[in-house]
């Protein structure tokens, strides 16, 4: 991983889209610092599109699409994208699965919840679970004392044994039924909203993240960036981001934006 301050000037001029994780990429200790919000506004002011790619729930994503300086976002690790048209005052919601399929998945996830909570003492269902539509989030360090990595791995095994996909973020283990992830829904968003083939414009895009659930994005994008706290997961990333910031979380994001717009 190379310092982002070495990002080539000719490549800076090509960037049209900034894709970003939220937790511990835009946030610091669970809060969104003013510098990160201002950095998103600066990107939009310079005609770059800002698209969060997050594991956070549908309820949060509806708010973010409306209230933040963003051009849409992917939520629940690829279950959907939301985009708010400010001129028409209309929300576009595009799900990977139908409402009936999501309802059936939730029944299976509710049964799996009981098993995980019984098997791994100390973990909890995420406080934001009530606002989710497609996945189950198990908290291992957000609102509870941090669990050892062995317990986190066991939560992943429980999901996978049940036939679900599981991804570890910096705070949760997210599990869902369905052949999608952050990257797959990002491709759908670009095709349906921007009429762009993601592969053909991948060098026009920067993705910035911080944890193993960002791995599909780190692998795919030539201009992938990790905020400094990604280093804590260095041993768990089969593909590491190309670049890394000096600062952590939202301060690292703002650092990247400062360099990108310089």
Protein backbone atom coordinates (compact mmCIF):
# COMPACT_ATOMS: atom_id res chain seq x y z
CA UNK A 1 0.00 0.00 0.00
CA UNK A 2 1.44 3.35 -1.08
CA UNK A 3 0.81 6.72 0.63
CA UNK A 4 -2.10 8.46 -1.08
CA UNK A 5 -0.08 11.67 -1.22
CA UNK A 6 1.84 9.96 -4.06
CA UNK A 7 -1.31 9.51 -6.17
CA UNK A 8 -0.34 10.69 -9.68
CA UNK A 9 -1.61 14.10 -10.78
CA UNK A 10 -2.69 12.85 -14.26
CA UNK A 11 -4.88 10.22 -12.57
CA UNK A 12 -6.45 12.84 -10.26
CA UNK A 13 -7.78 14.68 -13.30
CA UNK A 14 -9.58 11.56 -14.56
CA UNK A 15 -11.58 10.87 -11.39
CA UNK A 16 -15.34 11.43 -11.77
CA UNK A 17 -16.78 9.29 -8.97
CA UNK A 18 -15.80 8.79 -5.32
CA UNK A 19 -17.24 5.65 -3.73
CA UNK A 20 -16.84 5.38 0.02
CA UNK A 21 -17.63 3.07 2.89
CA UNK A 22 -19.21 4.80 5.90
CA UNK A 23 -18.33 3.19 9.26
CA UNK A 24 -14.74 4.00 10.29
CA UNK A 25 -14.11 5.39 6.80
CA UNK A 26 -16.27 8.52 7.03
CA UNK A 27 -16.86 8.22 10.78
CA UNK A 28 -14.54 8.47 13.77
CA UNK A 29 -15.52 6.63 16.95
CA UNK A 30 -19.06 6.23 15.62
CA UNK A 31 -19.61 9.88 14.65
CA UNK A 32 -19.41 11.77 11.37
CA UNK A 33 -16.84 14.57 11.79
CA UNK A 34 -17.47 17.92 10.16
CA UNK A 35 -14.35 17.56 8.00
CA UNK A 36 -15.74 14.40 6.35
CA UNK A 37 -19.13 15.98 5.63
CA UNK A 38 -17.43 19.11 4.29
CA UNK A 39 -15.16 16.95 2.13
CA UNK A 40 -18.21 15.34 0.49
CA UNK A 41 -19.65 18.80 -0.18
CA UNK A 42 -16.34 19.89 -1.72
CA UNK A 43 -16.32 16.88 -4.03
CA UNK A 44 -19.82 17.69 -5.26
CA UNK A 45 -18.84 21.34 -5.65
CA UNK A 46 -16.06 20.18 -7.96
CA UNK A 47 -18.50 18.08 -10.02
CA UNK A 48 -17.44 14.71 -8.64
CA UNK A 49 -20.23 12.29 -7.72
CA UNK A 50 -20.18 10.87 -4.19
CA UNK A 51 -21.70 7.42 -3.59
CA UNK A 52 -21.44 5.68 -0.19
CA UNK A 53 -21.22 1.88 -0.36
CA UNK A 54 -22.20 0.64 3.09
CA UNK A 55 -23.49 -2.19 5.23
CA UNK A 56 -25.83 0.16 7.06
CA UNK A 57 -29.60 -0.43 6.97
CA UNK A 58 -32.33 0.76 4.63
CA UNK A 59 -33.75 3.17 7.22
CA UNK A 60 -30.43 4.94 7.54
CA UNK A 61 -29.87 4.89 3.78
CA UNK A 62 -33.19 6.64 3.13
CA UNK A 63 -32.06 9.43 5.45
CA UNK A 64 -28.54 9.60 3.96
CA UNK A 65 -29.86 9.74 0.37
CA UNK A 66 -32.08 12.69 1.33
CA UNK A 67 -29.92 14.61 3.79
CA UNK A 68 -26.27 14.09 2.91
CA UNK A 69 -24.30 15.57 -0.02
CA UNK A 70 -24.37 12.29 -1.95
CA UNK A 71 -25.54 11.14 -5.37
CA UNK A 72 -27.10 7.88 -4.17
CA UNK A 73 -25.79 4.96 -2.14
CA UNK A 74 -25.62 1.18 -1.91
CA UNK A 75 -26.82 -0.28 1.39
CA UNK A 76 -26.91 -3.50 3.41
CA UNK A 77 -23.80 -4.77 1.61
CA UNK A 78 -25.44 -4.71 -1.80
CA UNK A 79 -29.09 -5.52 -1.07
CA UNK A 80 -30.21 -2.28 -2.77
CA UNK A 81 -29.34 1.16 -3.96
CA UNK A 82 -31.29 4.30 -3.07
CA UNK A 83 -31.09 7.58 -4.95
CA UNK A 84 -33.02 10.76 -4.22
CA UNK A 85 -33.94 13.01 -7.15
CA UNK A 86 -34.01 16.48 -5.62
CA UNK A 87 -35.68 18.10 -8.62
CA UNK A 88 -38.55 15.61 -8.71
CA UNK A 89 -38.48 15.10 -4.91
CA UNK A 90 -38.68 11.37 -5.49
CA UNK A 91 -36.73 8.44 -4.00
CA UNK A 92 -35.57 5.67 -6.32
CA UNK A 93 -35.28 2.34 -4.49
CA UNK A 94 -33.80 -0.56 -6.39
CA UNK A 95 -33.57 -3.94 -4.58
CA UNK A 96 -31.67 -7.04 -5.65
CA UNK A 97 -34.52 -9.28 -4.44
CA UNK A 98 -38.30 -8.93 -4.51
CA UNK A 99 -40.31 -8.00 -1.41
CA UNK A 100 -41.57 -11.60 -1.13
CA UNK A 101 -38.04 -12.98 -1.34
CA UNK A 102 -36.82 -10.56 1.30
CA UNK A 103 -39.68 -11.56 3.61
CA UNK A 104 -38.79 -15.25 3.23
CA UNK A 105 -35.14 -14.47 3.93
CA UNK A 106 -36.04 -12.58 7.09
CA UNK A 107 -37.83 -15.65 8.47
CA UNK A 108 -34.68 -17.73 7.97
CA UNK A 109 -32.52 -15.00 9.49
CA UNK A 110 -34.74 -14.79 12.58
CA UNK A 111 -34.15 -18.51 13.23
CA UNK A 112 -30.43 -18.04 12.64
CA UNK A 113 -30.38 -15.16 15.12
CA UNK A 114 -31.43 -17.48 17.94
CA UNK A 115 -28.66 -19.93 17.09
CA UNK A 116 -25.91 -17.28 16.88
CA UNK A 117 -26.87 -15.60 20.16
CA UNK A 118 -26.94 -18.98 21.90
CA UNK A 119 -23.65 -20.17 20.45
CA UNK A 120 -21.57 -17.00 20.88
CA UNK A 121 -22.17 -15.43 24.31
CA UNK A 122 -21.51 -11.71 24.40
CA UNK A 123 -22.56 -10.87 20.86
CA UNK A 124 -25.78 -8.95 20.21
CA UNK A 125 -28.12 -8.16 17.38
CA UNK A 126 -27.12 -4.74 16.05
CA UNK A 127 -29.07 -1.78 17.40
CA UNK A 128 -29.94 -0.80 13.82
CA UNK A 129 -31.49 -4.19 12.95
CA UNK A 130 -35.05 -2.79 13.16
CA UNK A 131 -34.30 -0.62 10.12
CA UNK A 132 -32.94 -3.44 7.94
CA UNK A 133 -34.79 -5.05 5.06
CA UNK A 134 -32.51 -7.79 3.79
CA UNK A 135 -29.74 -8.83 6.19
CA UNK A 136 -28.89 -9.65 9.79
CA UNK A 137 -26.23 -7.59 11.55
CA UNK A 138 -24.52 -9.07 14.59
CA UNK A 139 -22.71 -6.52 16.73
CA UNK A 140 -19.25 -7.58 17.90
CA UNK A 141 -17.82 -4.21 18.96
CA UNK A 142 -20.11 -1.21 18.25
CA UNK A 143 -22.35 -1.08 21.34
CA UNK A 144 -20.80 -3.95 23.31
CA UNK A 145 -17.33 -4.83 24.64
CA UNK A 146 -15.21 -6.01 21.71
CA UNK A 147 -15.31 -9.77 21.11
CA UNK A 148 -12.17 -11.76 20.31
CA UNK A 149 -11.53 -12.54 16.66
CA UNK A 150 -12.18 -16.23 17.34
CA UNK A 151 -15.79 -15.38 18.24
CA UNK A 152 -16.14 -13.18 15.15
CA UNK A 153 -14.94 -16.10 13.02
CA UNK A 154 -17.49 -18.38 14.70
CA UNK A 155 -20.31 -15.95 13.85
CA UNK A 156 -19.17 -16.09 10.22
CA UNK A 157 -19.19 -19.90 10.33
CA UNK A 158 -22.75 -19.94 11.68
CA UNK A 159 -23.94 -17.84 8.75
CA UNK A 160 -22.06 -19.90 6.18
CA UNK A 161 -23.24 -23.22 7.64
CA UNK A 162 -26.83 -22.00 7.11
CA UNK A 163 -26.04 -21.19 3.46
CA UNK A 164 -25.82 -17.44 3.99
CA UNK A 165 -23.08 -15.05 2.93
CA UNK A 166 -21.22 -13.28 5.74
CA UNK A 167 -18.97 -10.23 5.74
CA UNK A 168 -17.02 -8.71 8.63
CA UNK A 169 -17.10 -4.92 8.91
CA UNK A 170 -15.24 -2.87 11.49
CA UNK A 171 -18.21 -3.21 13.89
CA UNK A 172 -20.62 -5.95 12.70
CA UNK A 173 -20.81 -9.32 11.04
CA UNK A 174 -23.46 -9.01 8.33
CA UNK A 175 -25.17 -12.09 6.91
CA UNK A 176 -27.69 -12.50 4.09
CA UNK A 177 -29.13 -14.96 1.61
CA UNK A 178 -28.51 -14.02 -2.01
CA UNK A 179 -25.77 -13.86 -4.62
CA UNK A 180 -24.92 -10.20 -4.25
CA UNK A 181 -22.38 -7.97 -2.55
CA UNK A 182 -21.30 -4.33 -2.56
CA UNK A 183 -19.65 -4.64 -5.97
CA UNK A 184 -22.55 -6.37 -7.73
CA UNK A 185 -25.05 -3.70 -6.68
CA UNK A 186 -22.57 -0.96 -7.56
CA UNK A 187 -22.45 -2.36 -11.09
CA UNK A 188 -26.26 -2.32 -11.23
CA UNK A 189 -26.38 1.29 -9.99
CA UNK A 190 -23.92 2.48 -12.63
CA UNK A 191 -25.73 0.62 -15.42
CA UNK A 192 -29.22 1.80 -14.47
CA UNK A 193 -28.53 5.34 -13.22
CA UNK A 194 -25.53 6.45 -15.29
CA UNK A 195 -25.79 4.02 -18.25
CA UNK A 196 -22.12 3.20 -17.65
CA UNK A 197 -20.32 -0.15 -17.72
CA UNK A 198 -18.34 -0.14 -14.47
CA UNK A 199 -15.42 -2.10 -15.90
CA UNK A 200 -14.89 0.34 -18.76
CA UNK A 201 -14.74 3.38 -16.44
CA UNK A 202 -13.06 1.76 -13.41
CA UNK A 203 -10.07 4.13 -13.67
CA UNK A 204 -12.43 7.11 -13.40
CA UNK A 205 -13.41 5.95 -9.91
CA UNK A 206 -11.85 5.96 -6.45
CA UNK A 207 -13.10 3.62 -3.75
CA UNK A 208 -12.12 4.19 -0.12
CA UNK A 209 -12.81 1.78 2.74
CA UNK A 210 -11.41 0.26 5.90
CA UNK A 211 -12.28 -3.40 6.53
CA UNK A 212 -12.73 -6.96 5.12
CA UNK A 213 -16.28 -6.34 3.88
CA UNK A 214 -14.75 -3.86 1.43
CA UNK A 215 -12.61 -6.60 -0.11
CA UNK A 216 -14.62 -6.97 -3.37
CA UNK A 217 -14.16 -3.24 -3.96
CA UNK A 218 -10.44 -3.29 -3.07
CA UNK A 219 -9.96 -6.16 -5.53
CA UNK A 220 -11.90 -4.54 -8.37
CA UNK A 221 -10.85 -0.91 -8.49
CA UNK A 222 -7.33 0.07 -9.60
CA UNK A 223 -7.67 3.24 -7.50
CA UNK A 224 -8.62 1.64 -4.18
CA UNK A 225 -7.77 3.46 -0.96
CA UNK A 226 -7.72 2.42 2.67
CA UNK A 227 -7.96 4.89 5.52
CA UNK A 228 -5.09 4.28 7.97
CA UNK A 229 -7.13 2.04 10.27
CA UNK A 230 -7.35 -0.56 7.48
CA UNK A 231 -3.91 -1.65 8.69
CA UNK A 232 -5.49 -3.42 11.66
CA UNK A 233 -7.04 -5.87 9.16
CA UNK A 234 -3.90 -6.23 7.05
CA UNK A 235 -3.53 -9.96 7.76
CA UNK A 236 -7.18 -10.59 6.84
CA UNK A 237 -7.18 -8.94 3.40
CA UNK A 238 -6.31 -11.19 0.48
CA UNK A 239 -6.24 -8.08 -1.72
CA UNK A 240 -5.14 -4.86 -0.11
CA UNK A 241 -6.00 -1.35 -1.26
CA UNK A 242 -3.48 0.23 -3.61
CA UNK A 243 -3.21 3.40 -1.53
CA UNK A 244 -3.48 4.28 2.16
CA UNK A 245 -4.01 7.58 3.98
CA UNK A 246 -1.95 8.84 6.91
CA UNK A 247 -5.02 9.50 9.07
CA UNK A 248 -7.82 7.25 10.27
CA UNK A 249 -11.54 7.30 9.54
CA UNK A 250 -13.18 10.53 8.42
CA UNK A 251 -9.92 12.43 8.85
CA UNK A 252 -8.29 10.04 6.39
CA UNK A 253 -11.20 10.53 3.99
CA UNK A 254 -10.79 14.33 4.22
CA UNK A 255 -7.04 13.90 3.67
CA UNK A 256 -7.73 11.92 0.48
CA UNK A 257 -10.15 14.60 -0.77
CA UNK A 258 -7.61 17.35 -0.05
CA UNK A 259 -5.02 15.50 -2.13
CA UNK A 260 -7.49 14.62 -4.87
CA UNK A 261 -8.63 18.22 -5.34
CA UNK A 262 -5.17 19.78 -4.97
